[in-house]
């Protein structure tokens, strides 16, 4: 082992908003992915800033009823 600590992934502000809304609605990320037609684990990568997912952001906003104006200009 190299002795380097792996940096813990952090949710983006968008990711935090989505996670909170999913919890409030009792919905899983997997259910959200199916609803918006995203590939498996894609939403997770979006929430951590590893994928932009610009095509899916409006769909997520519609399904979850969130305002995306803070994240999309």
C-alpha atoms as a PDB file:
ATOM      1  CA  UNK A   1       0.000   0.000   0.000  1.00  0.00           C
ATOM      2  CA  UNK A   2       1.167   3.467  -0.800  1.00  0.00           C
ATOM      3  CA  UNK A   3       0.031   5.017   2.461  1.00  0.00           C
ATOM      4  CA  UNK A   4      -2.038   7.666   0.679  1.00  0.00           C
ATOM      5  CA  UNK A   5      -5.510   8.201   2.018  1.00  0.00           C
ATOM      6  CA  UNK A   6      -8.242   8.065  -0.535  1.00  0.00           C
ATOM      7  CA  UNK A   7     -10.252  11.266  -0.621  1.00  0.00           C
ATOM      8  CA  UNK A   8     -13.830  10.730   0.461  1.00  0.00           C
ATOM      9  CA  UNK A   9     -16.317  11.573  -2.249  1.00  0.00           C
ATOM     10  CA  UNK A  10     -18.592  14.486  -1.463  1.00  0.00           C
ATOM     11  CA  UNK A  11     -22.016  15.209  -2.830  1.00  0.00           C
ATOM     12  CA  UNK A  12     -22.372  18.349  -4.909  1.00  0.00           C
ATOM     13  CA  UNK A  13     -24.942  20.935  -3.788  1.00  0.00           C
ATOM     14  CA  UNK A  14     -27.229  19.520  -6.507  1.00  0.00           C
ATOM     15  CA  UNK A  15     -26.528  16.032  -5.174  1.00  0.00           C
ATOM     16  CA  UNK A  16     -27.502  17.068  -1.648  1.00  0.00           C
ATOM     17  CA  UNK A  17     -30.767  18.588  -2.887  1.00  0.00           C
ATOM     18  CA  UNK A  18     -31.618  15.455  -4.881  1.00  0.00           C
ATOM     19  CA  UNK A  19     -30.759  13.110  -1.998  1.00  0.00           C
ATOM     20  CA  UNK A  20     -32.910  15.118   0.411  1.00  0.00           C
ATOM     21  CA  UNK A  21     -35.842  15.096  -1.992  1.00  0.00           C
ATOM     22  CA  UNK A  22     -35.477  11.356  -2.625  1.00  0.00           C
ATOM     23  CA  UNK A  23     -35.597  10.740   1.125  1.00  0.00           C
ATOM     24  CA  UNK A  24     -38.614  13.033   1.533  1.00  0.00           C
ATOM     25  CA  UNK A  25     -40.432  11.166  -1.254  1.00  0.00           C
ATOM     26  CA  UNK A  26     -39.366   7.688  -0.102  1.00  0.00           C
ATOM     27  CA  UNK A  27     -37.765   7.021  -3.476  1.00  0.00           C
ATOM     28  CA  UNK A  28     -34.458   5.299  -4.237  1.00  0.00           C
ATOM     29  CA  UNK A  29     -31.824   6.440  -6.707  1.00  0.00           C
ATOM     30  CA  UNK A  30     -32.466   3.253  -8.663  1.00  0.00           C
ATOM     31  CA  UNK A  31     -36.136   4.118  -8.963  1.00  0.00           C
ATOM     32  CA  UNK A  32     -35.201   7.614 -10.110  1.00  0.00           C
ATOM     33  CA  UNK A  33     -32.818   6.209 -12.730  1.00  0.00           C
ATOM     34  CA  UNK A  34     -35.560   3.982 -14.117  1.00  0.00           C
ATOM     35  CA  UNK A  35     -38.045   6.852 -14.128  1.00  0.00           C
ATOM     36  CA  UNK A  36     -35.743   9.160 -16.108  1.00  0.00           C
ATOM     37  CA  UNK A  37     -34.232   6.445 -18.308  1.00  0.00           C
ATOM     38  CA  UNK A  38     -30.668   6.837 -17.016  1.00  0.00           C
ATOM     39  CA  UNK A  39     -28.149   3.981 -17.029  1.00  0.00           C
ATOM     40  CA  UNK A  40     -27.485   2.083 -13.790  1.00  0.00           C
ATOM     41  CA  UNK A  41     -25.440   4.131 -11.291  1.00  0.00           C
ATOM     42  CA  UNK A  42     -25.485   7.231 -13.515  1.00  0.00           C
ATOM     43  CA  UNK A  43     -27.429   9.334 -11.016  1.00  0.00           C
ATOM     44  CA  UNK A  44     -24.890   8.483  -8.316  1.00  0.00           C
ATOM     45  CA  UNK A  45     -22.083   9.701 -10.549  1.00  0.00           C
ATOM     46  CA  UNK A  46     -24.017  12.897 -11.241  1.00  0.00           C
ATOM     47  CA  UNK A  47     -24.652  13.563  -7.565  1.00  0.00           C
ATOM     48  CA  UNK A  48     -20.923  13.321  -6.829  1.00  0.00           C
ATOM     49  CA  UNK A  49     -19.946  15.518  -9.783  1.00  0.00           C
ATOM     50  CA  UNK A  50     -18.355  12.688 -11.747  1.00  0.00           C
ATOM     51  CA  UNK A  51     -20.817  13.091 -14.651  1.00  0.00           C
ATOM     52  CA  UNK A  52     -22.526  16.272 -15.812  1.00  0.00           C
ATOM     53  CA  UNK A  53     -25.748  14.561 -16.827  1.00  0.00           C
ATOM     54  CA  UNK A  54     -27.121  17.701 -18.455  1.00  0.00           C
ATOM     55  CA  UNK A  55     -29.612  15.613 -20.409  1.00  0.00           C
ATOM     56  CA  UNK A  56     -31.032  14.161 -17.180  1.00  0.00           C
ATOM     57  CA  UNK A  57     -31.133  17.224 -14.906  1.00  0.00           C
ATOM     58  CA  UNK A  58     -34.452  18.546 -16.287  1.00  0.00           C
ATOM     59  CA  UNK A  59     -35.966  15.058 -16.018  1.00  0.00           C
ATOM     60  CA  UNK A  60     -34.789  14.742 -12.410  1.00  0.00           C
ATOM     61  CA  UNK A  61     -36.249  18.157 -11.608  1.00  0.00           C
ATOM     62  CA  UNK A  62     -39.577  17.179 -13.128  1.00  0.00           C
ATOM     63  CA  UNK A  63     -39.814  13.852 -11.300  1.00  0.00           C
ATOM     64  CA  UNK A  64     -38.710  15.290  -7.952  1.00  0.00           C
ATOM     65  CA  UNK A  65     -40.370  18.685  -8.303  1.00  0.00           C
ATOM     66  CA  UNK A  66     -37.218  20.665  -7.586  1.00  0.00           C
ATOM     67  CA  UNK A  67     -36.078  24.040  -8.921  1.00  0.00           C
ATOM     68  CA  UNK A  68     -32.881  23.557 -10.923  1.00  0.00           C
ATOM     69  CA  UNK A  69     -32.256  27.242 -11.728  1.00  0.00           C
ATOM     70  CA  UNK A  70     -29.352  27.284  -9.227  1.00  0.00           C
ATOM     71  CA  UNK A  71     -27.531  24.553 -11.128  1.00  0.00           C
ATOM     72  CA  UNK A  72     -28.469  25.146 -14.758  1.00  0.00           C
ATOM     73  CA  UNK A  73     -28.247  28.475 -16.488  1.00  0.00           C
END
